[in-house]
Structure formats: structure tokens, C-alpha cells
């Protein structure tokens, strides 16, 4: 079994990898004020939303959402959200 600290590190590494590989977070230029925190919160929300809907490949669903923004807006704003 893994300790709570080890689990926290594993989760943080998994999240950081997705944020850096998919959203290229380390290359972003937002460095001052609340910009970095706001962008990180938006990225985390996006990742969490897709994982909650059972998506394992965040990069793939992000590309799909970029191509079909109306589907994503409908899913987020509808009373009973569904994903494809």
C-alpha cells in the first residue's frame, strides 16, 4: 500500500503532466498578478470536467472540444449534461 503522502505526490505528478503536456503550462507567459492562478484554475476545471465524464485521454477530448465548442457549451449549460 502507498502512504497518503505518496498518493498525493502521484496525483500531483499526474495532474502536472496533463497540464504541461496538453496545455503547455510551463510555456505560458502569464507571470504576474492573479493571471497564473486563474489560468491554472481553468485548466484544472477542464481536466476535472473531462475526467468526471469518464474521459481518460484529456488531450484528445480537448482537441475535440476545440473543434466543436457548441457541443461543450451545451453540455456545460444543460440541465442534464451528456458527453459523446
Protein backbone atom coordinates (compact mmCIF):
# COMPACT_ATOMS: atom_id res chain seq x y z
CA UNK A 1 0.00 0.00 0.00
CA UNK A 2 1.05 3.54 -0.57
CA UNK A 3 1.01 6.20 2.08
CA UNK A 4 -1.19 9.27 1.89
CA UNK A 5 1.84 11.42 1.05
CA UNK A 6 2.86 9.10 -1.80
CA UNK A 7 -0.70 9.18 -3.18
CA UNK A 8 -0.70 12.98 -3.04
CA UNK A 9 2.59 13.10 -4.95
CA UNK A 10 1.27 10.62 -7.57
CA UNK A 11 -1.89 12.68 -8.09
CA UNK A 12 0.09 15.93 -8.31
CA UNK A 13 2.51 14.41 -10.84
CA UNK A 14 -0.39 13.09 -12.96
CA UNK A 15 -2.11 16.48 -12.91
CA UNK A 16 1.10 18.37 -13.67
CA UNK A 17 1.89 16.08 -16.60
CA UNK A 18 -1.53 16.71 -18.17
CA UNK A 19 -1.33 20.45 -17.52
CA UNK A 20 2.14 20.67 -19.03
CA UNK A 21 1.80 18.20 -21.92
CA UNK A 22 -1.74 19.13 -23.01
CA UNK A 23 -1.97 22.80 -22.10
CA UNK A 24 1.78 23.56 -22.29
CA UNK A 25 1.52 25.34 -18.98
CA UNK A 26 5.27 25.76 -18.49
CA UNK A 27 5.48 27.81 -21.70
CA UNK A 28 2.74 30.30 -20.80
CA UNK A 29 3.75 33.92 -20.31
CA UNK A 30 1.22 34.81 -17.58
CA UNK A 31 3.55 35.57 -14.69
CA UNK A 32 2.08 38.48 -12.71
CA UNK A 33 -0.99 39.25 -10.67
CA UNK A 34 -3.76 36.69 -10.48
CA UNK A 35 -3.31 35.56 -14.10
CA UNK A 36 -1.38 32.36 -13.36
CA UNK A 37 -3.80 31.27 -10.63
CA UNK A 38 -6.85 31.95 -12.79
CA UNK A 39 -5.43 30.06 -15.76
CA UNK A 40 -4.44 27.12 -13.52
CA UNK A 41 -7.97 27.03 -12.08
CA UNK A 42 -9.48 26.98 -15.58
CA UNK A 43 -7.14 24.18 -16.67
CA UNK A 44 -7.92 22.15 -13.54
CA UNK A 45 -11.65 22.67 -14.10
CA UNK A 46 -11.33 21.47 -17.67
CA UNK A 47 -9.35 18.38 -16.66
CA UNK A 48 -11.76 17.59 -13.83
CA UNK A 49 -14.82 18.02 -16.04
CA UNK A 50 -13.49 15.62 -18.65
CA UNK A 51 -12.32 13.05 -16.09
CA UNK A 52 -15.70 13.19 -14.34
CA UNK A 53 -17.28 12.29 -17.67
CA UNK A 54 -15.07 9.22 -17.95
CA UNK A 55 -12.51 10.55 -20.40
CA UNK A 56 -9.01 9.16 -19.91
CA UNK A 57 -7.29 10.98 -22.79
CA UNK A 58 -7.54 14.66 -21.88
CA UNK A 59 -5.56 15.77 -24.94
CA UNK A 60 -8.00 14.04 -27.30
CA UNK A 61 -11.13 15.49 -25.69
CA UNK A 62 -9.54 18.94 -25.55
CA UNK A 63 -8.90 18.82 -29.30
CA UNK A 64 -12.48 17.64 -29.86
CA UNK A 65 -13.82 20.46 -27.67
CA UNK A 66 -11.73 22.98 -29.63
CA UNK A 67 -13.23 21.76 -32.90
CA UNK A 68 -16.80 21.60 -31.56
CA UNK A 69 -17.21 24.36 -28.96
CA UNK A 70 -21.02 24.39 -29.25
CA UNK A 71 -21.17 20.78 -28.00
CA UNK A 72 -19.13 21.69 -24.94
CA UNK A 73 -21.21 24.79 -24.20
CA UNK A 74 -24.41 22.75 -24.50
CA UNK A 75 -23.04 20.03 -22.21
CA UNK A 76 -21.96 22.52 -19.55
CA UNK A 77 -25.12 24.64 -19.61
CA UNK A 78 -27.79 21.96 -20.00
CA UNK A 79 -29.75 20.64 -17.03
CA UNK A 80 -28.70 17.08 -17.74
CA UNK A 81 -25.21 17.29 -19.27
CA UNK A 82 -24.14 14.45 -21.51
CA UNK A 83 -20.96 13.85 -23.40
CA UNK A 84 -20.29 11.92 -26.53
